[in-house]
Amino acid sequence: MRSAITEIDPLLALQHVQPMDAVMASVESPRRFNTDLITAFALSALLLAITGIYAVVAFSVSLRTQEIAIRMALGAQRTGIARLVLASGARLALLGCGLGVLGSLAVSRLVRSFLFGVSATDPVIYASGVLIMLLMALLASALPATRAASADPIDALRSI
């Protein structure tokens, strides 16, 4: 780099010559680190939320085994049972998303300094976050719903 500049003007005094990419990277590195840290915490929070929803829904299904067996013995379809379990997971996720949106609106001034090109209260970002959480909650509820729908009502009723 220095040799290219000295070919143009050999009398020019240069020190600490760096490409603009390196200068911009050093300026933006603290902000990038903060963004990466927040992303890691957000992904951890999403994983914890999904695990929690799965655990609560699976526990609820295990407690309601006899109820589900009675429903199936009275003619409930397996899809209806699965829908019932998925709806309970969706209700949990909606409650959590509502509380999360309220909490994030409360701390939006703190987050504002970390954001690029988006406001701290952007409705598209909030809607996409809620949508991702709802989809993940339905995915987490799918395994307990399949287990509940595939339960044998005779075995469950015998255990009463």
C-alpha atoms as a PDB file:
ATOM      1  CA  MET A   1       0.000   0.000   0.000  1.00  0.00           C
ATOM      2  CA  ARG A   2       2.782   2.396   0.976  1.00  0.00           C
ATOM      3  CA  SER A   3       4.708   1.651  -2.244  1.00  0.00           C
ATOM      4  CA  ALA A   4       1.686   2.504  -4.392  1.00  0.00           C
ATOM      5  CA  ILE A   5       1.346   5.875  -2.668  1.00  0.00           C
ATOM      6  CA  THR A   6       5.087   6.656  -2.852  1.00  0.00           C
ATOM      7  CA  GLU A   7       4.952   6.063  -6.612  1.00  0.00           C
ATOM      8  CA  ILE A   8       2.398   8.866  -6.866  1.00  0.00           C
ATOM      9  CA  ASP A   9       4.154  11.317  -4.532  1.00  0.00           C
ATOM     10  CA  PRO A  10       7.490  10.213  -2.980  1.00  0.00           C
ATOM     11  CA  LEU A  11       7.684  13.298  -0.721  1.00  0.00           C
ATOM     12  CA  LEU A  12       4.344  12.620   0.983  1.00  0.00           C
ATOM     13  CA  ALA A  13       4.789  11.788   4.685  1.00  0.00           C
ATOM     14  CA  LEU A  14       2.693   8.774   5.568  1.00  0.00           C
ATOM     15  CA  GLN A  15       2.280   6.924   8.811  1.00  0.00           C
ATOM     16  CA  HIS A  16      -0.127   4.189   9.827  1.00  0.00           C
ATOM     17  CA  VAL A  17      -1.523   3.602   6.365  1.00  0.00           C
ATOM     18  CA  GLN A  18      -4.475   1.201   6.486  1.00  0.00           C
ATOM     19  CA  PRO A  19      -7.178   0.195   4.071  1.00  0.00           C
ATOM     20  CA  MET A  20     -10.573   1.765   4.754  1.00  0.00           C
ATOM     21  CA  ASP A  21     -12.049  -1.683   5.467  1.00  0.00           C
ATOM     22  CA  ALA A  22      -9.630  -2.146   8.360  1.00  0.00           C
ATOM     23  CA  VAL A  23     -10.398   1.306   9.757  1.00  0.00           C
ATOM     24  CA  MET A  24     -14.150   0.731   9.558  1.00  0.00           C
ATOM     25  CA  ALA A  25     -13.807  -2.724  11.101  1.00  0.00           C
ATOM     26  CA  SER A  26     -11.911  -1.333  14.081  1.00  0.00           C
ATOM     27  CA  VAL A  27     -14.478   1.437  14.555  1.00  0.00           C
ATOM     28  CA  GLU A  28     -17.456  -0.915  14.300  1.00  0.00           C
ATOM     29  CA  SER A  29     -16.009  -3.820  16.302  1.00  0.00           C
ATOM     30  CA  PRO A  30     -17.463  -2.780  19.713  1.00  0.00           C
ATOM     31  CA  ARG A  31     -20.903  -2.337  18.202  1.00  0.00           C
ATOM     32  CA  ARG A  32     -20.615  -5.631  16.313  1.00  0.00           C
ATOM     33  CA  PHE A  33     -19.581  -7.394  19.519  1.00  0.00           C
ATOM     34  CA  ASN A  34     -22.625  -5.986  21.321  1.00  0.00           C
ATOM     35  CA  THR A  35     -24.880  -7.081  18.476  1.00  0.00           C
ATOM     36  CA  ASP A  36     -23.396 -10.579  18.464  1.00  0.00           C
ATOM     37  CA  LEU A  37     -23.795 -10.797  22.234  1.00  0.00           C
ATOM     38  CA  ILE A  38     -27.433  -9.714  22.079  1.00  0.00           C
ATOM     39  CA  THR A  39     -28.046 -12.221  19.274  1.00  0.00           C
ATOM     40  CA  ALA A  40     -26.544 -15.021  21.346  1.00  0.00           C
ATOM     41  CA  PHE A  41     -28.702 -14.081  24.325  1.00  0.00           C
ATOM     42  CA  ALA A  42     -31.799 -13.877  22.110  1.00  0.00           C
ATOM     43  CA  LEU A  43     -31.150 -17.332  20.663  1.00  0.00           C
ATOM     44  CA  SER A  44     -30.567 -18.690  24.165  1.00  0.00           C
ATOM     45  CA  ALA A  45     -33.830 -17.125  25.319  1.00  0.00           C
ATOM     46  CA  LEU A  46     -35.657 -18.656  22.350  1.00  0.00           C
ATOM     47  CA  LEU A  47     -34.204 -22.076  23.129  1.00  0.00           C
ATOM     48  CA  LEU A  48     -35.149 -21.758  26.802  1.00  0.00           C
ATOM     49  CA  ALA A  49     -38.663 -20.654  25.891  1.00  0.00           C
ATOM     50  CA  ILE A  50     -39.127 -23.567  23.500  1.00  0.00           C
ATOM     51  CA  THR A  51     -37.801 -26.018  26.083  1.00  0.00           C
ATOM     52  CA  GLY A  52     -40.084 -24.546  28.727  1.00  0.00           C
ATOM     53  CA  ILE A  53     -43.153 -24.711  26.514  1.00  0.00           C
ATOM     54  CA  TYR A  54     -42.341 -28.295  25.575  1.00  0.00           C
ATOM     55  CA  ALA A  55     -41.922 -29.253  29.242  1.00  0.00           C
ATOM     56  CA  VAL A  56     -45.139 -27.564  30.367  1.00  0.00           C
ATOM     57  CA  VAL A  57     -47.201 -29.012  27.517  1.00  0.00           C
ATOM     58  CA  ALA A  58     -45.717 -32.507  27.970  1.00  0.00           C
ATOM     59  CA  PHE A  59     -46.400 -32.365  31.707  1.00  0.00           C
ATOM     60  CA  SER A  60     -49.933 -31.147  31.073  1.00  0.00           C
ATOM     61  CA  VAL A  61     -50.534 -34.007  28.649  1.00  0.00           C
ATOM     62  CA  SER A  62     -49.235 -36.539  31.151  1.00  0.00           C
ATOM     63  CA  LEU A  63     -51.573 -35.133  33.813  1.00  0.00           C
ATOM     64  CA  ARG A  64     -54.521 -35.200  31.433  1.00  0.00           C
ATOM     65  CA  THR A  65     -53.986 -38.745  30.172  1.00  0.00           C
ATOM     66  CA  GLN A  66     -57.260 -40.018  31.628  1.00  0.00           C
ATOM     67  CA  GLU A  67     -59.191 -37.014  30.295  1.00  0.00           C
ATOM     68  CA  ILE A  68     -57.746 -37.556  26.827  1.00  0.00           C
ATOM     69  CA  ALA A  69     -58.570 -41.275  27.033  1.00  0.00           C
ATOM     70  CA  ILE A  70     -62.162 -40.513  28.010  1.00  0.00           C
ATOM     71  CA  ARG A  71     -62.466 -38.023  25.168  1.00  0.00           C
ATOM     72  CA  MET A  72     -61.138 -40.633  22.732  1.00  0.00           C
ATOM     73  CA  ALA A  73     -63.447 -43.317  24.179  1.00  0.00           C
ATOM     74  CA  LEU A  74     -66.388 -40.975  23.670  1.00  0.00           C
ATOM     75  CA  GLY A  75     -65.470 -40.479  20.027  1.00  0.00           C
ATOM     76  CA  ALA A  76     -62.967 -37.644  19.828  1.00  0.00           C
ATOM     77  CA  GLN A  77     -60.751 -37.867  16.779  1.00  0.00           C
ATOM     78  CA  ARG A  78     -56.995 -37.989  17.069  1.00  0.00           C
ATOM     79  CA  THR A  79     -56.703 -34.741  15.104  1.00  0.00           C
ATOM     80  CA  GLY A  80     -59.018 -33.062  17.604  1.00  0.00           C
ATOM     81  CA  ILE A  81     -56.850 -34.246  20.499  1.00  0.00           C
ATOM     82  CA  ALA A  82     -53.712 -33.015  18.754  1.00  0.00           C
ATOM     83  CA  ARG A  83     -55.412 -29.686  18.043  1.00  0.00           C
ATOM     84  CA  LEU A  84     -56.375 -29.401  21.730  1.00  0.00           C
ATOM     85  CA  VAL A  85     -52.769 -29.883  22.842  1.00  0.00           C
ATOM     86  CA  LEU A  86     -51.405 -27.536  20.170  1.00  0.00           C
ATOM     87  CA  ALA A  87     -53.925 -24.881  21.233  1.00  0.00           C
ATOM     88  CA  SER A  88     -52.714 -25.076  24.830  1.00  0.00           C
ATOM     89  CA  GLY A  89     -49.128 -24.568  23.648  1.00  0.00           C
ATOM     90  CA  ALA A  90     -50.219 -21.649  21.476  1.00  0.00           C
ATOM     91  CA  ARG A  91     -52.011 -20.043  24.434  1.00  0.00           C
ATOM     92  CA  LEU A  92     -48.830 -20.259  26.491  1.00  0.00           C
ATOM     93  CA  ALA A  93     -46.834 -18.733  23.650  1.00  0.00           C
ATOM     94  CA  LEU A  94     -49.348 -15.916  23.145  1.00  0.00           C
ATOM     95  CA  LEU A  95     -49.248 -15.087  26.837  1.00  0.00           C
ATOM     96  CA  GLY A  96     -45.446 -15.059  26.787  1.00  0.00           C
ATOM     97  CA  CYS A  97     -45.328 -12.994  23.608  1.00  0.00           C
ATOM     98  CA  GLY A  98     -47.728 -10.442  25.058  1.00  0.00           C
ATOM     99  CA  LEU A  99     -45.620 -10.073  28.188  1.00  0.00           C
ATOM    100  CA  GLY A 100     -42.447 -10.006  26.097  1.00  0.00           C
ATOM    101  CA  VAL A 101     -43.744  -7.253  23.814  1.00  0.00           C
ATOM    102  CA  LEU A 102     -44.773  -5.170  26.820  1.00  0.00           C
ATOM    103  CA  GLY A 103     -41.363  -5.709  28.426  1.00  0.00           C
ATOM    104  CA  SER A 104     -39.473  -4.883  25.259  1.00  0.00           C
ATOM    105  CA  LEU A 105     -41.484  -1.708  24.760  1.00  0.00           C
ATOM    106  CA  ALA A 106     -40.575  -0.744  28.316  1.00  0.00           C
ATOM    107  CA  VAL A 107     -36.823  -1.111  27.683  1.00  0.00           C
ATOM    108  CA  SER A 108     -36.797   0.122  24.078  1.00  0.00           C
ATOM    109  CA  ARG A 109     -34.815   3.245  25.007  1.00  0.00           C
ATOM    110  CA  LEU A 110     -31.925   1.105  26.248  1.00  0.00           C
ATOM    111  CA  VAL A 111     -31.849  -0.959  23.063  1.00  0.00           C
ATOM    112  CA  ARG A 112     -32.071   2.031  20.730  1.00  0.00           C
ATOM    113  CA  SER A 113     -28.294   2.602  20.770  1.00  0.00           C
ATOM    114  CA  PHE A 114     -27.611  -0.908  19.431  1.00  0.00           C
ATOM    115  CA  LEU A 115     -29.889  -0.701  16.397  1.00  0.00           C
ATOM    116  CA  PHE A 116     -28.959   0.183  12.806  1.00  0.00           C
ATOM    117  CA  GLY A 117     -31.545   1.438  10.371  1.00  0.00           C
ATOM    118  CA  VAL A 118     -34.544   0.326  12.424  1.00  0.00           C
ATOM    119  CA  SER A 119     -36.426   1.988  15.240  1.00  0.00           C
ATOM    120  CA  ALA A 120     -36.655   0.400  18.681  1.00  0.00           C
ATOM    121  CA  THR A 121     -40.429   0.113  18.310  1.00  0.00           C
ATOM    122  CA  ASP A 122     -40.645  -1.113  14.715  1.00  0.00           C
ATOM    123  CA  PRO A 123     -43.936  -3.031  14.363  1.00  0.00           C
ATOM    124  CA  VAL A 124     -42.549  -5.289  11.621  1.00  0.00           C
ATOM    125  CA  ILE A 125     -39.753  -6.467  13.926  1.00  0.00           C
ATOM    126  CA  TYR A 126     -42.192  -7.034  16.779  1.00  0.00           C
ATOM    127  CA  ALA A 127     -44.613  -8.929  14.518  1.00  0.00           C
ATOM    128  CA  SER A 128     -41.853 -11.116  13.086  1.00  0.00           C
ATOM    129  CA  GLY A 129     -40.552 -11.883  16.585  1.00  0.00           C
ATOM    130  CA  VAL A 130     -44.020 -12.874  17.760  1.00  0.00           C
ATOM    131  CA  LEU A 131     -44.564 -14.973  14.629  1.00  0.00           C
ATOM    132  CA  ILE A 132     -41.239 -16.793  15.068  1.00  0.00           C
ATOM    133  CA  MET A 133     -42.025 -17.471  18.725  1.00  0.00           C
ATOM    134  CA  LEU A 134     -45.505 -18.789  17.892  1.00  0.00           C
ATOM    135  CA  LEU A 135     -44.122 -21.083  15.209  1.00  0.00           C
ATOM    136  CA  MET A 136     -41.453 -22.384  17.570  1.00  0.00           C
ATOM    137  CA  ALA A 137     -44.075 -22.923  20.297  1.00  0.00           C
ATOM    138  CA  LEU A 138     -46.241 -24.932  17.915  1.00  0.00           C
ATOM    139  CA  LEU A 139     -43.193 -26.935  16.933  1.00  0.00           C
ATOM    140  CA  ALA A 140     -42.380 -27.550  20.611  1.00  0.00           C
ATOM    141  CA  SER A 141     -45.981 -28.623  21.248  1.00  0.00           C
ATOM    142  CA  ALA A 142     -46.056 -30.985  18.277  1.00  0.00           C
ATOM    143  CA  LEU A 143     -44.327 -33.906  20.009  1.00  0.00           C
ATOM    144  CA  PRO A 144     -46.611 -33.928  23.078  1.00  0.00           C
ATOM    145  CA  ALA A 145     -49.604 -33.488  20.752  1.00  0.00           C
ATOM    146  CA  THR A 146     -48.570 -36.522  18.702  1.00  0.00           C
ATOM    147  CA  ARG A 147     -48.061 -38.555  21.857  1.00  0.00           C
ATOM    148  CA  ALA A 148     -51.466 -37.529  23.172  1.00  0.00           C
ATOM    149  CA  ALA A 149     -53.171 -38.306  19.875  1.00  0.00           C
ATOM    150  CA  SER A 150     -51.536 -41.711  19.601  1.00  0.00           C
ATOM    151  CA  ALA A 151     -52.341 -42.783  23.175  1.00  0.00           C
ATOM    152  CA  ASP A 152     -54.386 -45.946  23.535  1.00  0.00           C
ATOM    153  CA  PRO A 153     -57.580 -45.061  25.434  1.00  0.00           C
ATOM    154  CA  ILE A 154     -58.002 -48.574  26.833  1.00  0.00           C
ATOM    155  CA  ASP A 155     -54.571 -48.572  28.509  1.00  0.00           C
ATOM    156  CA  ALA A 156     -55.138 -45.076  29.909  1.00  0.00           C
ATOM    157  CA  LEU A 157     -58.569 -45.983  31.286  1.00  0.00           C
ATOM    158  CA  ARG A 158     -57.212 -49.154  32.888  1.00  0.00           C
ATOM    159  CA  SER A 159     -54.692 -47.098  34.861  1.00  0.00           C
ATOM    160  CA  ILE A 160     -57.454 -45.165  36.650  1.00  0.00           C
END
